[in-house]
Structure formats: C-alpha cells, structure tokens
Amino acid sequence: MDDAAPPVPDPHARRWWQVIGSLPMAVTVLVAVNAGYILLVALGNITDYGTNLAFVQHVLAMDTTNFGGRPGTGLDPDIMWRAITSPAVWNIAYVAIIVWESAAAILLVLATALMIAGMVRREFRAARAVSSIGLIMVVALFFGAFVAIGGEWFGMWRSTQWNGLDTAFRNGMLAAVALILIHVPVAGWSRRSAPVRS
C-alpha cells in the first residue's frame, strides 16, 4: 500500500481565468485589434486607391477649408500659401501613407503572433518590443500626420467635407492605450510569474 500523500496544489499557481483576465492577455487582444484594423486600412487603400486619394488631395489642396462653403471659395489667404496643388505630390504623399500603414500592419501582425507565443512561454520581451514599434508607427501616423500636419498645418479642422480628425483621434487613442499598457510593469510580464493550473 502506498502511503505517499497526494500532491498539494501550489497556492500561487494561476488559474485559467486569471490568465485570460491578465494584463498580457488584454494587451494581446489590443495589439491584435490594432493589427487587424491597420491591415484592413492598408488593404482598402491599396485596392480602392482613388477613394482616399481624394481625401489626401483635398486636405493638401486646402480647397474646402472654408467651414462648409462651396469648394474653392471663402478660403483664408493667410494660410493658403501652405496648399499643395500638385497631383504628383498628392500621389507621393498617399503612397507614403500606404507604405507606412503596411509596415505597421506587418509589424503588428508579427507582434500578435509573438504575444500569443509569449502567453505560452511566459516571455514577452520580443513581443513587447515589436508591439511598441508597430503601435508607435500607428500613433505617429494618426496624431502626427493626420492631426498635427493635416489638421493644423493644412487646416483640415476648418473643413466640414474632408475632415478626418475625429477618426484619426480614435485610431491614435486605440494604439496609444495599448502602447501604455505594454509598458505597465506587472509580474505577468515576467517568466517568474506563477504557472497555470486548471
């Protein structure tokens, strides 16, 4: 007869629901959402090139920065010197945006895979680094290019027809929240955190 006592469960081991409710899992979901979103944006801009080219054209040309007036009328001469009316520059700017979006999407898809692998290995250094780079690119695109350059320099805030500031702010905040959470120092990021038990 075996007198050995049954194994005592580790009281510090994490249960499955604690893993699902952990910060690394929340960040993994946010990184995946950002990856899916920016991938769809890039794909849409590539496959339906003309639709958002018109947006870039009107923002750079500043022809609707008249608070809802007829395009090309009532424009402020004090800022119209900033306008770019060259179709070649419109296309170069738009292609640059698409390349930037595509690069961010690739990095965030990779980061999502690394995050999922990190949930298994409990090692997130590479996942957090790649996620940070991709999310910084998204924040730079929406807050830098759209809000700062498009919104302020090219006066997009004055346009009622071609104004993407609200959308840019939402997209930038989605990435910024994930970026902040990635850098919150918690035990769940460490290999030393407790193993999972059922």
Protein backbone atom coordinates (compact mmCIF):
# COMPACT_ATOMS: atom_id res chain seq x y z
CA MET A 1 0.00 0.00 0.00
CA ASP A 2 1.32 3.40 -1.00
CA ASP A 3 1.42 5.75 2.00
CA ALA A 4 2.61 8.75 -0.05
CA ALA A 5 0.47 11.82 0.48
CA PRO A 6 -1.32 13.26 -2.57
CA PRO A 7 0.45 16.25 -4.15
CA VAL A 8 -0.50 19.58 -2.67
CA PRO A 9 -1.51 22.15 -5.31
CA ASP A 10 0.64 25.26 -5.49
CA PRO A 11 -1.45 28.05 -3.90
CA HIS A 12 0.35 30.63 -6.03
CA ALA A 13 -0.40 28.93 -9.35
CA ARG A 14 -2.65 30.90 -11.69
CA ARG A 15 -5.98 29.51 -12.81
CA TRP A 16 -7.06 29.70 -16.47
CA TRP A 17 -9.44 32.59 -15.82
CA GLN A 18 -6.63 34.55 -14.20
CA VAL A 19 -4.57 34.11 -17.38
CA ILE A 20 -7.45 35.26 -19.59
CA GLY A 21 -8.06 38.24 -17.31
CA SER A 22 -4.39 39.19 -17.10
CA LEU A 23 -2.73 42.33 -18.47
CA PRO A 24 -0.69 40.35 -21.04
CA MET A 25 -3.90 38.84 -22.42
CA ALA A 26 -5.58 42.26 -22.57
CA VAL A 27 -2.56 43.69 -24.38
CA THR A 28 -2.50 40.73 -26.77
CA VAL A 29 -6.12 41.45 -27.72
CA LEU A 30 -5.44 45.18 -28.16
CA VAL A 31 -2.37 44.51 -30.31
CA ALA A 32 -4.41 42.06 -32.43
CA VAL A 33 -7.23 44.62 -32.82
CA ASN A 34 -4.74 47.30 -33.89
CA ALA A 35 -3.09 44.85 -36.28
CA GLY A 36 -6.40 43.88 -37.86
CA TYR A 37 -7.54 47.48 -38.17
CA ILE A 38 -4.40 48.93 -39.75
CA LEU A 39 -4.11 45.88 -42.04
CA LEU A 40 -7.66 46.48 -43.32
CA VAL A 41 -6.94 50.21 -43.73
CA ALA A 42 -3.81 49.49 -45.79
CA LEU A 43 -5.60 46.83 -47.85
CA GLY A 44 -8.51 49.19 -48.50
CA ASN A 45 -6.20 51.99 -49.61
CA ILE A 46 -4.35 49.64 -51.95
CA THR A 47 -7.42 48.02 -53.52
CA ASP A 48 -9.56 51.19 -53.60
CA TYR A 49 -6.80 53.69 -54.28
CA GLY A 50 -8.91 56.52 -55.63
CA THR A 51 -11.31 56.93 -52.70
CA ASN A 52 -8.81 58.07 -50.11
CA LEU A 53 -6.58 59.72 -52.70
CA ALA A 54 -9.41 62.24 -53.00
CA PHE A 55 -9.17 62.81 -49.24
CA VAL A 56 -5.41 63.43 -49.42
CA GLN A 57 -5.91 65.69 -52.44
CA HIS A 58 -8.48 67.94 -50.75
CA VAL A 59 -6.56 68.10 -47.46
CA LEU A 60 -3.30 69.09 -49.18
CA ALA A 61 -5.02 71.45 -51.63
CA MET A 62 -6.91 73.06 -48.72
CA ASP A 63 -9.80 73.82 -51.09
CA THR A 64 -12.52 73.09 -48.52
CA THR A 65 -11.00 74.89 -45.51
CA ASN A 66 -13.91 77.33 -45.52
CA PHE A 67 -16.20 75.92 -42.81
CA GLY A 68 -18.64 74.30 -45.23
CA GLY A 69 -18.64 76.84 -48.02
CA ARG A 70 -18.50 75.95 -51.71
CA PRO A 71 -15.11 74.34 -52.51
CA GLY A 72 -12.53 76.90 -53.57
CA THR A 73 -14.42 79.89 -52.16
CA GLY A 74 -14.04 81.83 -48.91
CA LEU A 75 -10.54 80.49 -48.30
CA ASP A 76 -8.22 82.24 -45.86
CA PRO A 77 -5.38 83.90 -47.85
CA ASP A 78 -3.21 83.97 -44.71
CA ILE A 79 -2.82 80.18 -44.77
CA MET A 80 -3.44 79.26 -48.41
CA TRP A 81 0.27 79.57 -49.19
CA ARG A 82 0.61 76.20 -47.44
CA ALA A 83 -1.61 74.46 -50.01
CA ILE A 84 -0.12 71.82 -52.32
CA THR A 85 -1.87 71.60 -55.68
CA SER A 86 0.46 69.18 -57.47
CA PRO A 87 -1.17 65.80 -58.32
CA ALA A 88 2.29 64.22 -58.24
CA VAL A 89 2.81 65.31 -54.63
CA TRP A 90 -0.70 64.12 -53.70
CA ASN A 91 0.15 60.66 -55.03
CA ILE A 92 3.59 60.59 -53.39
CA ALA A 93 2.07 61.54 -50.03
CA TYR A 94 -0.68 58.94 -50.39
CA VAL A 95 1.74 56.16 -51.38
CA ALA A 96 3.95 57.10 -48.41
CA ILE A 97 0.91 56.77 -46.10
CA ILE A 98 0.06 53.36 -47.58
CA VAL A 99 3.65 52.12 -47.20
CA TRP A 100 3.70 53.34 -43.58
CA GLU A 101 0.35 51.66 -42.84
CA SER A 102 1.50 48.42 -44.48
CA ALA A 103 4.75 48.36 -42.49
CA ALA A 104 2.85 48.99 -39.25
CA ALA A 105 0.37 46.23 -40.13
CA ILE A 106 3.15 43.72 -40.79
CA LEU A 107 4.86 44.57 -37.50
CA LEU A 108 1.62 44.34 -35.52
CA VAL A 109 0.63 41.01 -37.09
CA LEU A 110 4.08 39.69 -36.14
CA ALA A 111 3.69 41.23 -32.68
CA THR A 112 0.33 39.49 -32.24
CA ALA A 113 1.94 36.14 -33.05
CA LEU A 114 4.78 36.88 -30.62
CA MET A 115 2.29 37.87 -27.92
CA ILE A 116 0.39 34.60 -28.34
CA ALA A 117 3.65 32.65 -28.17
CA GLY A 118 4.59 34.71 -25.12
CA MET A 119 1.40 33.65 -23.36
CA VAL A 120 2.63 30.06 -23.65
CA ARG A 121 6.31 30.67 -22.84
CA ARG A 122 5.66 33.49 -20.36
CA GLU A 123 8.36 35.51 -22.13
CA PHE A 124 7.27 38.82 -23.65
CA ARG A 125 10.43 40.83 -24.31
CA ALA A 126 10.42 40.44 -28.10
CA ALA A 127 6.62 40.69 -28.29
CA ARG A 128 6.56 43.93 -26.30
CA ALA A 129 9.38 45.46 -28.35
CA VAL A 130 7.82 44.65 -31.74
CA SER A 131 4.37 45.70 -30.50
CA SER A 132 5.78 49.01 -29.28
CA ILE A 133 7.38 49.76 -32.65
CA GLY A 134 4.18 48.98 -34.57
CA LEU A 135 1.98 50.95 -32.18
CA ILE A 136 4.34 53.93 -32.22
CA MET A 137 4.02 53.91 -36.02
CA VAL A 138 0.22 53.97 -35.74
CA VAL A 139 0.30 56.80 -33.17
CA ALA A 140 2.76 58.75 -35.32
CA LEU A 141 0.55 58.29 -38.40
CA PHE A 142 -2.72 59.38 -36.83
CA PHE A 143 -1.51 62.00 -34.35
CA GLY A 144 1.50 63.19 -36.32
CA ALA A 145 0.42 63.04 -39.96
CA PHE A 146 -3.34 63.45 -39.65
CA VAL A 147 -3.90 65.55 -36.50
CA ALA A 148 -0.76 67.72 -36.46
CA ILE A 149 0.13 68.06 -40.15
CA GLY A 150 -3.27 67.57 -41.79
CA GLY A 151 -5.34 69.12 -39.04
CA GLU A 152 -3.19 72.11 -38.13
CA TRP A 153 -0.74 72.81 -40.94
CA PHE A 154 -3.20 72.17 -43.77
CA GLY A 155 -6.21 73.46 -41.80
CA MET A 156 -8.28 70.28 -42.01
CA TRP A 157 -10.13 71.37 -38.87
CA ARG A 158 -11.77 74.11 -40.99
CA SER A 159 -13.25 71.61 -43.46
CA THR A 160 -16.65 70.02 -42.98
CA GLN A 161 -16.39 67.75 -46.04
CA TRP A 162 -12.82 66.41 -45.77
CA ASN A 163 -12.19 66.33 -42.05
CA GLY A 164 -10.69 63.13 -40.63
CA LEU A 165 -9.69 64.48 -37.22
CA ASP A 166 -12.24 62.55 -35.15
CA THR A 167 -11.38 59.27 -36.85
CA ALA A 168 -7.66 59.93 -36.56
CA PHE A 169 -8.02 60.72 -32.85
CA ARG A 170 -9.97 57.50 -32.18
CA ASN A 171 -7.45 55.39 -34.08
CA GLY A 172 -4.49 57.06 -32.41
CA MET A 173 -6.02 56.58 -28.96
CA LEU A 174 -6.67 52.87 -29.58
CA ALA A 175 -2.97 52.43 -30.34
CA ALA A 176 -1.84 54.74 -27.53
CA VAL A 177 -3.81 52.84 -24.87
CA ALA A 178 -2.24 49.56 -25.98
CA LEU A 179 1.20 51.19 -26.03
CA ILE A 180 0.78 52.48 -22.47
CA LEU A 181 -0.43 49.11 -21.17
CA ILE A 182 2.54 47.32 -22.74
CA HIS A 183 4.85 49.36 -20.55
CA VAL A 184 2.98 48.91 -17.27
CA PRO A 185 5.39 46.97 -15.01
CA VAL A 186 3.47 43.96 -13.66
CA ALA A 187 4.52 40.45 -12.65
CA GLY A 188 2.56 38.94 -15.53
CA TRP A 189 5.24 40.06 -17.99
CA SER A 190 7.90 38.06 -16.15
CA ARG A 191 8.93 34.45 -16.65
CA ARG A 192 8.99 34.25 -12.84
CA SER A 193 5.19 34.60 -12.64
CA ALA A 194 3.30 31.58 -11.39
CA PRO A 195 2.46 28.61 -13.65
CA VAL A 196 -1.06 27.94 -14.80
CA ARG A 197 -3.23 25.30 -13.15
CA SER A 198 -6.67 24.09 -14.10
